[in-house]
């Protein structure tokens, strides 16, 4: 019995250490990940700093109002030219059923973000498709893009709705200024596998959603893959999906469990230069 008690005690201690380590990993300040990309069509001499932030998931145990506010300060301190938000502002509500009371405290802190070329956002699968546009419209920034595009300095930003709320890439691109390089912002980057590539465009797609797996264990990989039916087409970083050049950030928040192991929270500072 004593041996069993010792074994159980050791297992409990290991479990508590694992949870504590994971919670620390989830609540630490986000890393700033640099990424450089040559985008054809940018004017000679252009050097744009674009900050990509995703999956803030306000209201989760790891994302208090104070932590989200600190992340906003950290983002502003980087002095980016442009800030893009790739969705999932709400904690919980994976089907996007949360209403205005959930969205307001998740969206209002984002108004603190500042960038000379603007701050733009798209909805994620956790964000309510009805209340999302209403809540965003009630404040001057960020500007929510719902399957639409906007000219931003020397390029175009096209924002695509989450797949859960009626993604429409052709609609988002239809009003894009011809000949201008383009940033395609959407929550689920892997969904580009369903969209024919636009080889006539100079484009870089940006997304979140995957959390980078959130927990990556040696020899085991990401437990979330077993829950979700397999690994994503692009878990994290730069890859090509169906001919689309894509960068996926692991984001700053969490889902399912408030733990991060092997995948730290991050924001991505992208430097764009002419191709």
C-alpha atoms as a PDB file:
ATOM      1  CA  UNK A   1       0.000   0.000   0.000  1.00  0.00           C
ATOM      2  CA  UNK A   2       2.851   2.368   0.823  1.00  0.00           C
ATOM      3  CA  UNK A   3       4.419   1.735  -2.576  1.00  0.00           C
ATOM      4  CA  UNK A   4       1.096   2.374  -4.309  1.00  0.00           C
ATOM      5  CA  UNK A   5       0.633   5.590  -2.348  1.00  0.00           C
ATOM      6  CA  UNK A   6       4.111   6.733  -3.358  1.00  0.00           C
ATOM      7  CA  UNK A   7       3.480   5.938  -7.011  1.00  0.00           C
ATOM      8  CA  UNK A   8       0.151   7.754  -6.969  1.00  0.00           C
ATOM      9  CA  UNK A   9       1.738  10.698  -5.178  1.00  0.00           C
ATOM     10  CA  UNK A  10       4.512  10.865  -7.764  1.00  0.00           C
ATOM     11  CA  UNK A  11       2.014  10.707 -10.624  1.00  0.00           C
ATOM     12  CA  UNK A  12      -0.061  13.472  -9.036  1.00  0.00           C
ATOM     13  CA  UNK A  13       3.042  15.625  -8.615  1.00  0.00           C
ATOM     14  CA  UNK A  14       3.979  15.052 -12.257  1.00  0.00           C
ATOM     15  CA  UNK A  15       0.463  15.929 -13.391  1.00  0.00           C
ATOM     16  CA  UNK A  16       0.460  19.143 -11.353  1.00  0.00           C
ATOM     17  CA  UNK A  17       3.905  20.063 -12.690  1.00  0.00           C
ATOM     18  CA  UNK A  18       2.709  19.408 -16.241  1.00  0.00           C
ATOM     19  CA  UNK A  19      -0.353  21.626 -15.743  1.00  0.00           C
ATOM     20  CA  UNK A  20       1.684  24.365 -14.081  1.00  0.00           C
ATOM     21  CA  UNK A  21       4.278  24.309 -16.850  1.00  0.00           C
ATOM     22  CA  UNK A  22       1.569  24.421 -19.500  1.00  0.00           C
ATOM     23  CA  UNK A  23      -0.280  27.285 -17.831  1.00  0.00           C
ATOM     24  CA  UNK A  24       2.936  29.271 -17.543  1.00  0.00           C
ATOM     25  CA  UNK A  25       3.545  28.582 -21.235  1.00  0.00           C
ATOM     26  CA  UNK A  26       0.070  29.862 -22.095  1.00  0.00           C
ATOM     27  CA  UNK A  27       0.267  33.056 -20.056  1.00  0.00           C
ATOM     28  CA  UNK A  28       3.827  34.169 -20.808  1.00  0.00           C
ATOM     29  CA  UNK A  29       4.240  37.294 -22.990  1.00  0.00           C
ATOM     30  CA  UNK A  30       3.956  36.407 -26.684  1.00  0.00           C
ATOM     31  CA  UNK A  31       7.142  35.923 -28.639  1.00  0.00           C
ATOM     32  CA  UNK A  32       7.657  38.301 -31.547  1.00  0.00           C
ATOM     33  CA  UNK A  33       8.430  36.071 -34.530  1.00  0.00           C
ATOM     34  CA  UNK A  34      10.140  37.820 -37.466  1.00  0.00           C
ATOM     35  CA  UNK A  35       9.249  36.833 -41.026  1.00  0.00           C
ATOM     36  CA  UNK A  36      10.511  38.472 -44.219  1.00  0.00           C
ATOM     37  CA  UNK A  37       8.724  38.138 -47.538  1.00  0.00           C
ATOM     38  CA  UNK A  38       9.318  39.579 -50.994  1.00  0.00           C
ATOM     39  CA  UNK A  39       5.977  40.615 -52.475  1.00  0.00           C
ATOM     40  CA  UNK A  40       6.024  41.312 -56.186  1.00  0.00           C
ATOM     41  CA  UNK A  41       4.523  44.610 -57.232  1.00  0.00           C
ATOM     42  CA  UNK A  42       5.558  46.678 -54.240  1.00  0.00           C
ATOM     43  CA  UNK A  43       7.207  49.949 -55.302  1.00  0.00           C
ATOM     44  CA  UNK A  44      11.025  49.958 -55.262  1.00  0.00           C
ATOM     45  CA  UNK A  45      12.423  50.822 -51.864  1.00  0.00           C
ATOM     46  CA  UNK A  46       9.263  49.790 -50.002  1.00  0.00           C
ATOM     47  CA  UNK A  47       9.789  48.225 -46.591  1.00  0.00           C
ATOM     48  CA  UNK A  48       6.560  47.593 -44.693  1.00  0.00           C
ATOM     49  CA  UNK A  49       6.235  46.147 -41.205  1.00  0.00           C
ATOM     50  CA  UNK A  50       2.994  44.178 -40.839  1.00  0.00           C
ATOM     51  CA  UNK A  51       2.024  42.733 -37.456  1.00  0.00           C
ATOM     52  CA  UNK A  52      -0.151  39.598 -37.487  1.00  0.00           C
ATOM     53  CA  UNK A  53      -2.090  38.746 -34.296  1.00  0.00           C
ATOM     54  CA  UNK A  54      -4.628  35.950 -33.953  1.00  0.00           C
ATOM     55  CA  UNK A  55      -6.728  33.959 -31.496  1.00  0.00           C
ATOM     56  CA  UNK A  56      -6.829  36.357 -28.553  1.00  0.00           C
ATOM     57  CA  UNK A  57      -9.729  34.336 -27.057  1.00  0.00           C
ATOM     58  CA  UNK A  58     -10.639  36.912 -24.398  1.00  0.00           C
ATOM     59  CA  UNK A  59     -12.382  35.347 -21.419  1.00  0.00           C
ATOM     60  CA  UNK A  60     -10.378  32.130 -21.329  1.00  0.00           C
ATOM     61  CA  UNK A  61      -8.569  31.412 -18.022  1.00  0.00           C
ATOM     62  CA  UNK A  62      -5.278  32.421 -19.642  1.00  0.00           C
ATOM     63  CA  UNK A  63      -6.591  35.638 -21.258  1.00  0.00           C
ATOM     64  CA  UNK A  64      -7.645  38.142 -18.624  1.00  0.00           C
ATOM     65  CA  UNK A  65      -8.424  41.756 -19.427  1.00  0.00           C
ATOM     66  CA  UNK A  66      -5.036  42.745 -17.995  1.00  0.00           C
ATOM     67  CA  UNK A  67      -3.140  40.240 -20.144  1.00  0.00           C
ATOM     68  CA  UNK A  68      -4.950  41.280 -23.321  1.00  0.00           C
ATOM     69  CA  UNK A  69      -4.222  44.921 -22.513  1.00  0.00           C
ATOM     70  CA  UNK A  70      -0.536  44.095 -22.046  1.00  0.00           C
ATOM     71  CA  UNK A  71      -0.488  42.334 -25.424  1.00  0.00           C
ATOM     72  CA  UNK A  72      -1.964  45.442 -27.047  1.00  0.00           C
ATOM     73  CA  UNK A  73       0.819  47.531 -25.476  1.00  0.00           C
ATOM     74  CA  UNK A  74       3.433  45.045 -26.663  1.00  0.00           C
ATOM     75  CA  UNK A  75       2.043  45.228 -30.203  1.00  0.00           C
ATOM     76  CA  UNK A  76       2.051  49.025 -30.280  1.00  0.00           C
ATOM     77  CA  UNK A  77       5.636  49.135 -28.992  1.00  0.00           C
ATOM     78  CA  UNK A  78       6.754  47.348 -32.163  1.00  0.00           C
ATOM     79  CA  UNK A  79       5.546  50.360 -34.191  1.00  0.00           C
ATOM     80  CA  UNK A  80       4.228  48.362 -37.169  1.00  0.00           C
ATOM     81  CA  UNK A  81       2.989  50.109 -40.306  1.00  0.00           C
ATOM     82  CA  UNK A  82      -0.069  47.852 -40.459  1.00  0.00           C
ATOM     83  CA  UNK A  83      -1.784  45.493 -37.992  1.00  0.00           C
ATOM     84  CA  UNK A  84      -3.890  42.515 -39.091  1.00  0.00           C
ATOM     85  CA  UNK A  85      -6.096  40.479 -36.741  1.00  0.00           C
ATOM     86  CA  UNK A  86      -6.971  36.963 -37.895  1.00  0.00           C
ATOM     87  CA  UNK A  87     -10.021  36.244 -35.743  1.00  0.00           C
ATOM     88  CA  UNK A  88     -11.228  34.292 -32.703  1.00  0.00           C
ATOM     89  CA  UNK A  89     -11.566  37.158 -30.258  1.00  0.00           C
ATOM     90  CA  UNK A  90     -13.986  35.244 -28.002  1.00  0.00           C
ATOM     91  CA  UNK A  91     -12.978  32.517 -25.578  1.00  0.00           C
ATOM     92  CA  UNK A  92     -15.273  29.496 -25.957  1.00  0.00           C
ATOM     93  CA  UNK A  93     -18.268  29.420 -28.320  1.00  0.00           C
ATOM     94  CA  UNK A  94     -16.567  27.308 -31.027  1.00  0.00           C
ATOM     95  CA  UNK A  95     -19.687  27.554 -33.209  1.00  0.00           C
ATOM     96  CA  UNK A  96     -19.796  31.330 -32.964  1.00  0.00           C
ATOM     97  CA  UNK A  97     -22.981  31.346 -30.879  1.00  0.00           C
ATOM     98  CA  UNK A  98     -21.785  33.904 -28.324  1.00  0.00           C
ATOM     99  CA  UNK A  99     -23.723  37.161 -28.550  1.00  0.00           C
ATOM    100  CA  UNK A 100     -22.990  40.807 -27.923  1.00  0.00           C
ATOM    101  CA  UNK A 101     -22.154  40.371 -24.190  1.00  0.00           C
ATOM    102  CA  UNK A 102     -19.322  38.009 -25.164  1.00  0.00           C
ATOM    103  CA  UNK A 103     -18.034  40.065 -28.079  1.00  0.00           C
ATOM    104  CA  UNK A 104     -17.893  43.547 -26.550  1.00  0.00           C
ATOM    105  CA  UNK A 105     -15.237  42.819 -23.898  1.00  0.00           C
ATOM    106  CA  UNK A 106     -13.309  40.782 -26.476  1.00  0.00           C
ATOM    107  CA  UNK A 107     -13.320  43.447 -29.208  1.00  0.00           C
ATOM    108  CA  UNK A 108     -13.197  46.762 -27.331  1.00  0.00           C
ATOM    109  CA  UNK A 109      -9.558  46.357 -26.140  1.00  0.00           C
ATOM    110  CA  UNK A 110      -8.470  45.976 -29.776  1.00  0.00           C
ATOM    111  CA  UNK A 111      -9.268  49.664 -30.334  1.00  0.00           C
ATOM    112  CA  UNK A 112      -6.060  50.420 -28.459  1.00  0.00           C
ATOM    113  CA  UNK A 113      -3.961  49.152 -31.389  1.00  0.00           C
ATOM    114  CA  UNK A 114      -2.291  51.827 -33.505  1.00  0.00           C
ATOM    115  CA  UNK A 115      -0.652  51.663 -36.948  1.00  0.00           C
ATOM    116  CA  UNK A 116      -0.216  54.386 -39.619  1.00  0.00           C
ATOM    117  CA  UNK A 117      -1.811  52.276 -42.368  1.00  0.00           C
ATOM    118  CA  UNK A 118      -4.591  51.030 -40.101  1.00  0.00           C
ATOM    119  CA  UNK A 119      -5.764  48.011 -38.140  1.00  0.00           C
ATOM    120  CA  UNK A 120      -7.933  45.443 -39.941  1.00  0.00           C
ATOM    121  CA  UNK A 121      -9.692  42.311 -38.713  1.00  0.00           C
ATOM    122  CA  UNK A 122     -11.655  39.265 -39.844  1.00  0.00           C
ATOM    123  CA  UNK A 123     -13.976  36.990 -37.877  1.00  0.00           C
ATOM    124  CA  UNK A 124     -12.986  33.546 -36.619  1.00  0.00           C
ATOM    125  CA  UNK A 125     -15.177  30.504 -36.051  1.00  0.00           C
ATOM    126  CA  UNK A 126     -15.666  31.486 -32.372  1.00  0.00           C
ATOM    127  CA  UNK A 127     -16.963  34.952 -33.301  1.00  0.00           C
ATOM    128  CA  UNK A 128     -20.660  35.627 -33.870  1.00  0.00           C
ATOM    129  CA  UNK A 129     -21.379  36.420 -37.538  1.00  0.00           C
ATOM    130  CA  UNK A 130     -24.397  38.592 -36.642  1.00  0.00           C
ATOM    131  CA  UNK A 131     -23.059  40.544 -33.673  1.00  0.00           C
ATOM    132  CA  UNK A 132     -19.458  40.701 -34.890  1.00  0.00           C
ATOM    133  CA  UNK A 133     -20.002  43.415 -37.523  1.00  0.00           C
ATOM    134  CA  UNK A 134     -22.263  45.366 -35.138  1.00  0.00           C
ATOM    135  CA  UNK A 135     -19.737  45.374 -32.291  1.00  0.00           C
ATOM    136  CA  UNK A 136     -16.824  46.278 -34.570  1.00  0.00           C
ATOM    137  CA  UNK A 137     -18.834  49.077 -36.210  1.00  0.00           C
ATOM    138  CA  UNK A 138     -19.451  50.672 -32.803  1.00  0.00           C
ATOM    139  CA  UNK A 139     -15.788  51.642 -32.468  1.00  0.00           C
ATOM    140  CA  UNK A 140     -13.426  53.453 -34.858  1.00  0.00           C
ATOM    141  CA  UNK A 141     -10.878  50.646 -35.015  1.00  0.00           C
ATOM    142  CA  UNK A 142     -10.149  47.901 -35.981  1.00  0.00           C
ATOM    143  CA  UNK A 143     -12.012  47.857 -39.284  1.00  0.00           C
ATOM    144  CA  UNK A 144     -13.736  44.524 -39.862  1.00  0.00           C
ATOM    145  CA  UNK A 145     -13.488  43.107 -43.389  1.00  0.00           C
ATOM    146  CA  UNK A 146     -16.294  40.720 -44.345  1.00  0.00           C
ATOM    147  CA  UNK A 147     -15.429  39.170 -47.713  1.00  0.00           C
ATOM    148  CA  UNK A 148     -14.189  42.526 -48.945  1.00  0.00           C
ATOM    149  CA  UNK A 149     -10.975  44.346 -49.773  1.00  0.00           C
ATOM    150  CA  UNK A 150      -9.523  47.773 -49.127  1.00  0.00           C
ATOM    151  CA  UNK A 151      -6.579  49.711 -50.544  1.00  0.00           C
ATOM    152  CA  UNK A 152      -3.929  50.252 -47.874  1.00  0.00           C
ATOM    153  CA  UNK A 153      -0.989  52.312 -49.066  1.00  0.00           C
ATOM    154  CA  UNK A 154       0.930  50.390 -51.746  1.00  0.00           C
ATOM    155  CA  UNK A 155      -1.079  47.185 -51.356  1.00  0.00           C
ATOM    156  CA  UNK A 156      -4.555  45.725 -50.906  1.00  0.00           C
ATOM    157  CA  UNK A 157      -5.838  43.949 -47.803  1.00  0.00           C
ATOM    158  CA  UNK A 158      -8.606  41.434 -48.539  1.00  0.00           C
ATOM    159  CA  UNK A 159     -10.472  40.022 -45.545  1.00  0.00           C
ATOM    160  CA  UNK A 160     -12.338  36.709 -45.769  1.00  0.00           C
ATOM    161  CA  UNK A 161     -14.991  35.595 -43.297  1.00  0.00           C
ATOM    162  CA  UNK A 162     -14.467  32.428 -41.290  1.00  0.00           C
ATOM    163  CA  UNK A 163     -15.568  29.218 -42.985  1.00  0.00           C
ATOM    164  CA  UNK A 164     -18.148  28.953 -40.194  1.00  0.00           C
ATOM    165  CA  UNK A 165     -19.721  32.241 -41.271  1.00  0.00           C
ATOM    166  CA  UNK A 166     -19.705  32.176 -45.068  1.00  0.00           C
ATOM    167  CA  UNK A 167     -16.171  32.524 -46.404  1.00  0.00           C
ATOM    168  CA  UNK A 168     -16.120  33.901 -49.952  1.00  0.00           C
ATOM    169  CA  UNK A 169     -12.651  34.421 -51.396  1.00  0.00           C
ATOM    170  CA  UNK A 170     -13.855  35.468 -54.895  1.00  0.00           C
ATOM    171  CA  UNK A 171     -16.055  38.175 -53.340  1.00  0.00           C
ATOM    172  CA  UNK A 172     -13.172  39.422 -51.208  1.00  0.00           C
ATOM    173  CA  UNK A 173     -10.935  39.667 -54.264  1.00  0.00           C
ATOM    174  CA  UNK A 174     -13.516  41.011 -56.703  1.00  0.00           C
ATOM    175  CA  UNK A 175     -13.041  44.667 -55.763  1.00  0.00           C
ATOM    176  CA  UNK A 176      -9.273  44.506 -55.324  1.00  0.00           C
ATOM    177  CA  UNK A 177      -7.397  47.146 -57.287  1.00  0.00           C
ATOM    178  CA  UNK A 178      -5.870  45.398 -60.345  1.00  0.00           C
ATOM    179  CA  UNK A 179      -2.099  45.232 -60.359  1.00  0.00           C
ATOM    180  CA  UNK A 180      -1.628  45.936 -56.656  1.00  0.00           C
ATOM    181  CA  UNK A 181       0.014  43.304 -54.439  1.00  0.00           C
ATOM    182  CA  UNK A 182      -2.378  41.778 -51.947  1.00  0.00           C
ATOM    183  CA  UNK A 183      -2.514  40.421 -48.412  1.00  0.00           C
ATOM    184  CA  UNK A 184      -5.326  37.880 -47.980  1.00  0.00           C
ATOM    185  CA  UNK A 185      -6.407  37.723 -44.337  1.00  0.00           C
ATOM    186  CA  UNK A 186      -8.576  34.849 -43.136  1.00  0.00           C
ATOM    187  CA  UNK A 187      -8.949  32.764 -40.005  1.00  0.00           C
ATOM    188  CA  UNK A 188      -8.613  29.238 -41.405  1.00  0.00           C
ATOM    189  CA  UNK A 189      -5.654  29.113 -43.768  1.00  0.00           C
ATOM    190  CA  UNK A 190      -6.084  25.430 -44.576  1.00  0.00           C
ATOM    191  CA  UNK A 191      -9.423  26.216 -46.210  1.00  0.00           C
ATOM    192  CA  UNK A 192      -7.485  27.684 -49.135  1.00  0.00           C
ATOM    193  CA  UNK A 193      -7.263  24.070 -50.311  1.00  0.00           C
ATOM    194  CA  UNK A 194     -10.849  24.587 -51.518  1.00  0.00           C
ATOM    195  CA  UNK A 195     -10.135  27.835 -53.380  1.00  0.00           C
ATOM    196  CA  UNK A 196      -8.556  27.804 -56.847  1.00  0.00           C
ATOM    197  CA  UNK A 197      -5.175  29.537 -56.719  1.00  0.00           C
ATOM    198  CA  UNK A 198      -4.986  32.998 -58.260  1.00  0.00           C
ATOM    199  CA  UNK A 199      -1.675  32.873 -60.074  1.00  0.00           C
ATOM    200  CA  UNK A 200      -2.474  36.221 -61.699  1.00  0.00           C
ATOM    201  CA  UNK A 201      -2.137  37.915 -58.305  1.00  0.00           C
ATOM    202  CA  UNK A 202       0.873  38.837 -56.222  1.00  0.00           C
ATOM    203  CA  UNK A 203      -0.489  37.624 -52.904  1.00  0.00           C
ATOM    204  CA  UNK A 204       0.464  36.451 -49.428  1.00  0.00           C
ATOM    205  CA  UNK A 205      -2.243  34.789 -47.321  1.00  0.00           C
ATOM    206  CA  UNK A 206      -2.197  35.204 -43.530  1.00  0.00           C
ATOM    207  CA  UNK A 207      -4.131  33.103 -41.004  1.00  0.00           C
ATOM    208  CA  UNK A 208      -4.359  31.703 -37.472  1.00  0.00           C
ATOM    209  CA  UNK A 209      -6.839  29.135 -36.069  1.00  0.00           C
ATOM    210  CA  UNK A 210      -4.485  26.181 -35.511  1.00  0.00           C
ATOM    211  CA  UNK A 211      -2.776  27.520 -32.344  1.00  0.00           C
ATOM    212  CA  UNK A 212       0.254  25.728 -33.789  1.00  0.00           C
ATOM    213  CA  UNK A 213      -1.148  22.589 -32.167  1.00  0.00           C
ATOM    214  CA  UNK A 214      -0.996  24.386 -28.772  1.00  0.00           C
ATOM    215  CA  UNK A 215       0.505  21.294 -27.123  1.00  0.00           C
ATOM    216  CA  UNK A 216       3.281  19.440 -28.963  1.00  0.00           C
ATOM    217  CA  UNK A 217       4.807  16.485 -27.123  1.00  0.00           C
ATOM    218  CA  UNK A 218       7.936  14.517 -28.057  1.00  0.00           C
ATOM    219  CA  UNK A 219       7.130  11.296 -29.946  1.00  0.00           C
ATOM    220  CA  UNK A 220       3.397  11.976 -29.559  1.00  0.00           C
ATOM    221  CA  UNK A 221       2.935  15.209 -31.471  1.00  0.00           C
ATOM    222  CA  UNK A 222      -0.195  17.290 -31.005  1.00  0.00           C
ATOM    223  CA  UNK A 223      -3.000  15.561 -29.058  1.00  0.00           C
ATOM    224  CA  UNK A 224      -5.428  17.972 -30.737  1.00  0.00           C
ATOM    225  CA  UNK A 225      -4.770  16.216 -34.059  1.00  0.00           C
ATOM    226  CA  UNK A 226      -6.478  13.097 -32.723  1.00  0.00           C
ATOM    227  CA  UNK A 227      -9.465  15.104 -31.545  1.00  0.00           C
ATOM    228  CA  UNK A 228      -9.792  17.047 -34.801  1.00  0.00           C
ATOM    229  CA  UNK A 229      -9.238  14.111 -37.136  1.00  0.00           C
ATOM    230  CA  UNK A 230      -5.679  14.770 -38.264  1.00  0.00           C
ATOM    231  CA  UNK A 231      -3.045  17.466 -38.572  1.00  0.00           C
ATOM    232  CA  UNK A 232      -3.844  20.745 -40.344  1.00  0.00           C
ATOM    233  CA  UNK A 233      -2.501  21.375 -43.830  1.00  0.00           C
ATOM    234  CA  UNK A 234      -0.354  24.142 -42.389  1.00  0.00           C
ATOM    235  CA  UNK A 235       0.157  24.068 -38.633  1.00  0.00           C
ATOM    236  CA  UNK A 236       2.453  27.042 -38.168  1.00  0.00           C
ATOM    237  CA  UNK A 237       4.828  29.214 -40.161  1.00  0.00           C
ATOM    238  CA  UNK A 238       5.177  29.569 -43.917  1.00  0.00           C
ATOM    239  CA  UNK A 239       3.882  26.972 -46.346  1.00  0.00           C
ATOM    240  CA  UNK A 240       2.030  26.668 -49.641  1.00  0.00           C
ATOM    241  CA  UNK A 241      -1.563  25.410 -49.731  1.00  0.00           C
ATOM    242  CA  UNK A 242      -3.094  24.704 -53.132  1.00  0.00           C
ATOM    243  CA  UNK A 243      -0.736  27.176 -54.763  1.00  0.00           C
ATOM    244  CA  UNK A 244      -1.402  29.932 -52.202  1.00  0.00           C
ATOM    245  CA  UNK A 245       1.635  31.203 -50.268  1.00  0.00           C
ATOM    246  CA  UNK A 246       0.445  31.177 -46.656  1.00  0.00           C
ATOM    247  CA  UNK A 247       1.750  32.149 -43.242  1.00  0.00           C
ATOM    248  CA  UNK A 248      -0.038  30.706 -40.190  1.00  0.00           C
ATOM    249  CA  UNK A 249       0.552  32.105 -36.718  1.00  0.00           C
ATOM    250  CA  UNK A 250       0.044  30.016 -33.586  1.00  0.00           C
ATOM    251  CA  UNK A 251      -1.683  33.020 -31.998  1.00  0.00           C
ATOM    252  CA  UNK A 252      -1.649  34.373 -28.458  1.00  0.00           C
ATOM    253  CA  UNK A 253      -4.544  32.568 -26.729  1.00  0.00           C
ATOM    254  CA  UNK A 254      -5.770  29.022 -26.155  1.00  0.00           C
ATOM    255  CA  UNK A 255      -8.732  26.758 -26.785  1.00  0.00           C
ATOM    256  CA  UNK A 256     -10.020  23.610 -25.047  1.00  0.00           C
ATOM    257  CA  UNK A 257      -7.412  23.727 -22.255  1.00  0.00           C
ATOM    258  CA  UNK A 258      -5.559  26.856 -21.030  1.00  0.00           C
ATOM    259  CA  UNK A 259      -2.168  25.243 -21.610  1.00  0.00           C
ATOM    260  CA  UNK A 260       0.661  25.661 -24.117  1.00  0.00           C
ATOM    261  CA  UNK A 261       3.556  23.222 -24.251  1.00  0.00           C
ATOM    262  CA  UNK A 262       6.101  23.315 -27.046  1.00  0.00           C
ATOM    263  CA  UNK A 263       4.157  26.063 -28.826  1.00  0.00           C
ATOM    264  CA  UNK A 264       4.593  29.472 -27.182  1.00  0.00           C
ATOM    265  CA  UNK A 265       2.127  32.304 -27.773  1.00  0.00           C
ATOM    266  CA  UNK A 266       3.322  34.572 -30.543  1.00  0.00           C
ATOM    267  CA  UNK A 267       2.674  37.546 -32.760  1.00  0.00           C
ATOM    268  CA  UNK A 268       4.372  37.707 -36.160  1.00  0.00           C
ATOM    269  CA  UNK A 269       6.203  40.793 -37.392  1.00  0.00           C
ATOM    270  CA  UNK A 270       6.294  40.517 -41.173  1.00  0.00           C
ATOM    271  CA  UNK A 271       8.689  42.647 -43.201  1.00  0.00           C
ATOM    272  CA  UNK A 272       7.490  43.117 -46.783  1.00  0.00           C
ATOM    273  CA  UNK A 273       9.904  44.197 -49.496  1.00  0.00           C
ATOM    274  CA  UNK A 274       9.583  44.268 -53.320  1.00  0.00           C
ATOM    275  CA  UNK A 275       9.950  40.921 -55.066  1.00  0.00           C
END
